[in-house]
Amino acid sequence: SKNWRFHAGGYHNSNCRPSTYLCGSYSPLTLGSWKAGGALCGFTGYHKEKKVDGKTERDNKVLIIPLAVFAYERKTWGLNLLLLPPEKFFALLGHKADGEEFKGSIGLVWKKPF
């Protein structure tokens, strides 16, 4: 359907680590070249490190995060505005925070269809 999109990419996150993502989004609201909806994404690169018996262990979990998506799409390019909710939202889903609380984030992504 024209309302479904799949996204994949990579970037350096705010922890200066390489991250990759894979998302599926559904945008049923359309006004001209604008679309709005939601997405479910998996992110890598946000692992936690801890010392156990003098060795560094990594928690290499994939973070699964729902987010709001607002898109502007032309034939040869587009922009996505992504709104990631604060960690308090994830507590409603049963996620327990460990460490510093995530305050939420806004992302702007330039895209080129192929």
N, C-alpha and C. Protein backbone atom coordinates (compact mmCIF):
# COMPACT_ATOMS: atom_id res chain seq x y z
N SER A 1 0.83 -1.18 0.00
CA SER A 1 0.00 0.00 0.00
C SER A 1 0.88 1.25 0.00
N LYS A 2 0.36 2.32 -0.51
CA LYS A 2 1.14 3.56 -0.58
C LYS A 2 1.37 4.19 0.79
N ASN A 3 0.70 3.70 1.84
CA ASN A 3 0.87 4.25 3.18
C ASN A 3 1.99 3.58 3.97
N TRP A 4 2.50 2.44 3.50
CA TRP A 4 3.55 1.71 4.20
C TRP A 4 4.92 2.06 3.64
N ARG A 5 5.91 2.18 4.50
CA ARG A 5 7.29 2.43 4.11
C ARG A 5 8.21 1.57 4.97
N PHE A 6 9.33 1.19 4.40
CA PHE A 6 10.37 0.50 5.16
C PHE A 6 11.65 1.31 5.01
N HIS A 7 12.38 1.47 6.10
CA HIS A 7 13.55 2.33 6.15
C HIS A 7 14.71 1.55 6.77
N ALA A 8 15.90 1.84 6.29
CA ALA A 8 17.12 1.27 6.88
C ALA A 8 18.22 2.29 6.70
N GLY A 9 19.16 2.32 7.63
CA GLY A 9 20.26 3.27 7.50
C GLY A 9 21.22 3.16 8.66
N GLY A 10 22.13 4.11 8.70
CA GLY A 10 23.12 4.14 9.76
C GLY A 10 23.56 5.56 10.06
N TYR A 11 24.14 5.75 11.21
CA TYR A 11 24.59 7.07 11.66
C TYR A 11 25.49 6.89 12.87
N HIS A 12 26.15 7.96 13.30
CA HIS A 12 26.88 7.95 14.57
C HIS A 12 25.97 8.58 15.61
N ASN A 13 25.69 7.84 16.67
CA ASN A 13 24.73 8.32 17.67
C ASN A 13 25.37 9.30 18.65
N SER A 14 24.58 9.76 19.60
CA SER A 14 25.06 10.76 20.56
C SER A 14 26.09 10.20 21.53
N ASN A 15 26.27 8.88 21.55
CA ASN A 15 27.32 8.25 22.36
C ASN A 15 28.60 8.05 21.54
N CYS A 16 28.65 8.64 20.34
CA CYS A 16 29.79 8.53 19.41
C CYS A 16 30.01 7.08 18.99
N ARG A 17 28.95 6.31 18.89
CA ARG A 17 29.03 4.92 18.44
C ARG A 17 28.28 4.77 17.13
N PRO A 18 28.74 3.87 16.27
CA PRO A 18 27.97 3.62 15.04
C PRO A 18 26.65 2.92 15.39
N SER A 19 25.59 3.36 14.75
CA SER A 19 24.26 2.78 14.95
C SER A 19 23.66 2.44 13.60
N THR A 20 22.83 1.42 13.59
CA THR A 20 22.04 1.10 12.40
C THR A 20 20.59 1.02 12.84
N TYR A 21 19.69 1.16 11.88
CA TYR A 21 18.28 1.08 12.19
C TYR A 21 17.51 0.41 11.07
N LEU A 22 16.40 -0.19 11.44
CA LEU A 22 15.46 -0.79 10.51
C LEU A 22 14.08 -0.45 11.03
N CYS A 23 13.25 0.14 10.17
CA CYS A 23 11.92 0.62 10.59
C CYS A 23 10.85 0.21 9.58
N GLY A 24 9.67 0.04 10.09
CA GLY A 24 8.48 -0.05 9.27
C GLY A 24 7.56 1.06 9.70
N SER A 25 7.05 1.84 8.76
CA SER A 25 6.18 2.96 9.13
C SER A 25 4.86 2.90 8.36
N TYR A 26 3.84 3.42 8.99
CA TYR A 26 2.52 3.51 8.40
C TYR A 26 2.05 4.95 8.53
N SER A 27 1.74 5.58 7.41
CA SER A 27 1.36 7.00 7.39
C SER A 27 0.02 7.17 6.67
N PRO A 28 -1.08 7.00 7.39
CA PRO A 28 -2.40 7.08 6.75
C PRO A 28 -2.89 8.51 6.50
N LEU A 29 -2.27 9.49 7.18
CA LEU A 29 -2.72 10.88 7.03
C LEU A 29 -1.91 11.56 5.93
N THR A 30 -2.60 12.09 4.91
CA THR A 30 -1.92 12.69 3.76
C THR A 30 -2.55 14.03 3.43
N LEU A 31 -1.69 15.02 3.16
CA LEU A 31 -2.13 16.33 2.69
C LEU A 31 -1.12 16.81 1.66
N GLY A 32 -1.41 16.63 0.39
CA GLY A 32 -0.47 16.98 -0.67
C GLY A 32 0.77 16.11 -0.58
N SER A 33 1.94 16.73 -0.45
CA SER A 33 3.21 16.01 -0.34
C SER A 33 3.55 15.64 1.10
N TRP A 34 2.68 15.97 2.05
CA TRP A 34 2.93 15.69 3.47
C TRP A 34 2.23 14.41 3.90
N LYS A 35 2.87 13.65 4.77
CA LYS A 35 2.30 12.43 5.34
C LYS A 35 2.58 12.43 6.84
N ALA A 36 1.70 11.80 7.61
CA ALA A 36 1.91 11.67 9.05
C ALA A 36 1.46 10.29 9.50
N GLY A 37 2.17 9.75 10.49
CA GLY A 37 1.82 8.44 11.01
C GLY A 37 2.79 8.01 12.09
N GLY A 38 2.99 6.72 12.19
CA GLY A 38 3.87 6.17 13.23
C GLY A 38 4.78 5.11 12.65
N ALA A 39 5.79 4.72 13.43
CA ALA A 39 6.75 3.71 13.00
C ALA A 39 7.17 2.87 14.20
N LEU A 40 7.65 1.69 13.90
CA LEU A 40 8.27 0.84 14.89
C LEU A 40 9.67 0.53 14.35
N CYS A 41 10.67 0.88 15.15
CA CYS A 41 12.05 0.80 14.68
C CYS A 41 12.93 -0.01 15.64
N GLY A 42 13.92 -0.66 15.08
CA GLY A 42 14.96 -1.32 15.85
C GLY A 42 16.26 -0.57 15.66
N PHE A 43 16.95 -0.24 16.75
CA PHE A 43 18.21 0.52 16.71
C PHE A 43 19.32 -0.29 17.37
N THR A 44 20.52 -0.24 16.81
CA THR A 44 21.70 -0.82 17.45
C THR A 44 22.63 0.31 17.88
N GLY A 45 23.66 -0.03 18.66
CA GLY A 45 24.68 0.94 19.03
C GLY A 45 24.46 1.64 20.35
N TYR A 46 23.44 1.27 21.08
CA TYR A 46 23.17 1.91 22.37
C TYR A 46 23.39 0.93 23.51
N HIS A 47 24.41 0.09 23.36
CA HIS A 47 24.69 -0.93 24.36
C HIS A 47 25.24 -0.32 25.65
N LYS A 48 25.05 -1.06 26.71
CA LYS A 48 25.59 -0.67 28.01
C LYS A 48 26.83 -1.51 28.26
N GLU A 49 27.83 -0.91 28.87
CA GLU A 49 29.05 -1.64 29.24
C GLU A 49 29.17 -1.67 30.75
N LYS A 50 29.61 -2.82 31.27
CA LYS A 50 29.84 -2.92 32.70
C LYS A 50 31.03 -3.84 32.94
N LYS A 51 31.70 -3.63 34.05
CA LYS A 51 32.84 -4.45 34.44
C LYS A 51 32.37 -5.62 35.30
N VAL A 52 32.76 -6.82 34.91
CA VAL A 52 32.45 -8.03 35.67
C VAL A 52 33.75 -8.81 35.79
N ASP A 53 34.21 -8.98 37.02
CA ASP A 53 35.47 -9.69 37.29
C ASP A 53 36.63 -9.11 36.48
N GLY A 54 36.67 -7.80 36.38
CA GLY A 54 37.76 -7.12 35.69
C GLY A 54 37.64 -7.11 34.17
N LYS A 55 36.59 -7.71 33.62
CA LYS A 55 36.38 -7.74 32.17
C LYS A 55 35.20 -6.86 31.82
N THR A 56 35.29 -6.24 30.65
CA THR A 56 34.19 -5.40 30.18
C THR A 56 33.19 -6.27 29.42
N GLU A 57 31.94 -6.23 29.86
CA GLU A 57 30.87 -6.95 29.17
C GLU A 57 29.92 -5.95 28.54
N ARG A 58 29.44 -6.29 27.36
CA ARG A 58 28.50 -5.43 26.63
C ARG A 58 27.13 -6.06 26.55
N ASP A 59 26.14 -5.21 26.70
CA ASP A 59 24.75 -5.60 26.48
C ASP A 59 24.43 -5.11 25.06
N ASN A 60 24.42 -6.00 24.09
CA ASN A 60 24.23 -5.63 22.68
C ASN A 60 22.79 -5.76 22.23
N LYS A 61 21.87 -5.31 23.06
CA LYS A 61 20.45 -5.39 22.72
C LYS A 61 20.11 -4.47 21.55
N VAL A 62 19.12 -4.90 20.79
CA VAL A 62 18.51 -4.03 19.79
C VAL A 62 17.36 -3.31 20.49
N LEU A 63 17.37 -2.00 20.46
CA LEU A 63 16.28 -1.22 21.06
C LEU A 63 15.12 -1.15 20.08
N ILE A 64 13.94 -1.55 20.52
CA ILE A 64 12.73 -1.45 19.71
C ILE A 64 11.94 -0.26 20.24
N ILE A 65 11.73 0.73 19.37
CA ILE A 65 11.14 2.00 19.80
C ILE A 65 10.03 2.43 18.84
N PRO A 66 8.83 2.73 19.38
CA PRO A 66 7.80 3.34 18.55
C PRO A 66 8.05 4.84 18.44
N LEU A 67 7.74 5.42 17.30
CA LEU A 67 7.94 6.86 17.15
C LEU A 67 6.93 7.46 16.18
N ALA A 68 6.76 8.76 16.26
CA ALA A 68 5.89 9.49 15.34
C ALA A 68 6.71 9.93 14.13
N VAL A 69 6.09 9.88 12.95
CA VAL A 69 6.78 10.24 11.71
C VAL A 69 5.95 11.28 10.96
N PHE A 70 6.62 12.34 10.53
CA PHE A 70 6.04 13.34 9.65
C PHE A 70 6.95 13.41 8.44
N ALA A 71 6.40 13.21 7.23
CA ALA A 71 7.23 13.12 6.03
C ALA A 71 6.78 14.12 4.97
N TYR A 72 7.77 14.66 4.27
CA TYR A 72 7.55 15.48 3.09
C TYR A 72 8.19 14.72 1.94
N GLU A 73 7.39 14.32 0.93
CA GLU A 73 7.91 13.46 -0.12
C GLU A 73 7.71 14.06 -1.51
N ARG A 74 8.81 14.12 -2.24
CA ARG A 74 8.81 14.52 -3.65
C ARG A 74 9.18 13.27 -4.46
N LYS A 75 9.21 13.37 -5.78
CA LYS A 75 9.53 12.18 -6.59
C LYS A 75 10.96 11.69 -6.39
N THR A 76 11.90 12.60 -6.23
CA THR A 76 13.32 12.20 -6.19
C THR A 76 13.98 12.38 -4.83
N TRP A 77 13.27 12.90 -3.84
CA TRP A 77 13.84 13.08 -2.51
C TRP A 77 12.71 13.28 -1.49
N GLY A 78 13.09 13.27 -0.22
CA GLY A 78 12.12 13.49 0.84
C GLY A 78 12.79 13.81 2.15
N LEU A 79 12.00 14.25 3.11
CA LEU A 79 12.47 14.52 4.47
C LEU A 79 11.54 13.83 5.46
N ASN A 80 12.12 13.26 6.50
CA ASN A 80 11.34 12.69 7.60
C ASN A 80 11.68 13.43 8.88
N LEU A 81 10.67 13.83 9.61
CA LEU A 81 10.83 14.35 10.96
C LEU A 81 10.37 13.25 11.90
N LEU A 82 11.27 12.80 12.78
CA LEU A 82 11.00 11.69 13.69
C LEU A 82 10.95 12.20 15.12
N LEU A 83 9.94 11.80 15.86
CA LEU A 83 9.80 12.18 17.26
C LEU A 83 9.86 10.93 18.12
N LEU A 84 10.93 10.80 18.91
CA LEU A 84 11.09 9.66 19.81
C LEU A 84 10.62 10.07 21.19
N PRO A 85 9.73 9.30 21.79
CA PRO A 85 9.18 9.68 23.10
C PRO A 85 10.21 9.53 24.22
N PRO A 86 10.01 10.23 25.33
CA PRO A 86 10.91 10.09 26.48
C PRO A 86 10.76 8.71 27.12
N GLU A 87 11.76 8.34 27.91
CA GLU A 87 11.80 7.01 28.52
C GLU A 87 10.61 6.75 29.44
N LYS A 88 10.01 7.80 30.00
CA LYS A 88 8.83 7.62 30.85
C LYS A 88 7.72 6.91 30.07
N PHE A 89 7.63 7.18 28.77
CA PHE A 89 6.64 6.52 27.92
C PHE A 89 6.87 5.01 27.90
N PHE A 90 8.14 4.59 27.85
CA PHE A 90 8.46 3.16 27.76
C PHE A 90 8.10 2.43 29.05
N ALA A 91 8.08 3.14 30.17
CA ALA A 91 7.67 2.53 31.43
C ALA A 91 6.22 2.04 31.33
N LEU A 92 5.41 2.74 30.56
CA LEU A 92 4.03 2.30 30.35
C LEU A 92 3.98 0.97 29.61
N LEU A 93 5.03 0.67 28.82
CA LEU A 93 5.10 -0.58 28.07
C LEU A 93 5.82 -1.67 28.84
N GLY A 94 6.21 -1.38 30.10
CA GLY A 94 6.88 -2.38 30.91
C GLY A 94 8.39 -2.35 30.83
N HIS A 95 8.97 -1.35 30.16
CA HIS A 95 10.43 -1.22 30.05
C HIS A 95 10.98 -0.59 31.32
N LYS A 96 11.99 -1.21 31.90
CA LYS A 96 12.61 -0.67 33.11
C LYS A 96 13.92 0.03 32.74
N ALA A 97 14.03 1.27 33.13
CA ALA A 97 15.24 2.04 32.84
C ALA A 97 16.37 1.59 33.74
N ASP A 98 17.57 1.54 33.16
CA ASP A 98 18.77 1.29 33.96
C ASP A 98 19.81 2.32 33.53
N GLY A 99 20.17 3.16 34.44
CA GLY A 99 21.11 4.22 34.10
C GLY A 99 20.40 5.54 33.89
N GLU A 100 21.01 6.40 33.09
CA GLU A 100 20.50 7.74 32.85
C GLU A 100 19.20 7.71 32.04
N GLU A 101 18.24 8.51 32.43
CA GLU A 101 16.94 8.52 31.77
C GLU A 101 17.03 9.22 30.42
N PHE A 102 16.43 8.60 29.39
CA PHE A 102 16.36 9.16 28.04
C PHE A 102 15.24 10.19 28.00
N LYS A 103 15.55 11.40 27.58
CA LYS A 103 14.59 12.51 27.62
C LYS A 103 13.75 12.64 26.35
N GLY A 104 14.01 11.79 25.36
CA GLY A 104 13.33 11.92 24.08
C GLY A 104 14.27 12.54 23.05
N SER A 105 13.85 12.50 21.79
CA SER A 105 14.73 13.01 20.74
C SER A 105 13.90 13.40 19.52
N ILE A 106 14.48 14.26 18.72
CA ILE A 106 13.91 14.66 17.44
C ILE A 106 14.96 14.36 16.38
N GLY A 107 14.55 13.71 15.30
CA GLY A 107 15.48 13.42 14.20
C GLY A 107 14.97 14.00 12.91
N LEU A 108 15.89 14.42 12.07
CA LEU A 108 15.56 14.90 10.72
C LEU A 108 16.38 14.06 9.75
N VAL A 109 15.68 13.38 8.84
CA VAL A 109 16.34 12.46 7.91
C VAL A 109 16.02 12.87 6.47
N TRP A 110 17.08 13.06 5.66
CA TRP A 110 16.93 13.29 4.24
C TRP A 110 16.92 11.91 3.58
N LYS A 111 16.00 11.68 2.65
CA LYS A 111 15.91 10.37 2.02
C LYS A 111 15.84 10.47 0.51
N LYS A 112 16.33 9.42 -0.12
CA LYS A 112 16.33 9.32 -1.57
C LYS A 112 15.77 7.95 -1.93
N PRO A 113 14.61 7.89 -2.57
CA PRO A 113 14.04 6.59 -2.93
C PRO A 113 14.83 5.91 -4.04
N PHE A 114 14.76 4.59 -4.06
CA PHE A 114 15.41 3.84 -5.15
C PHE A 114 14.49 2.77 -5.67
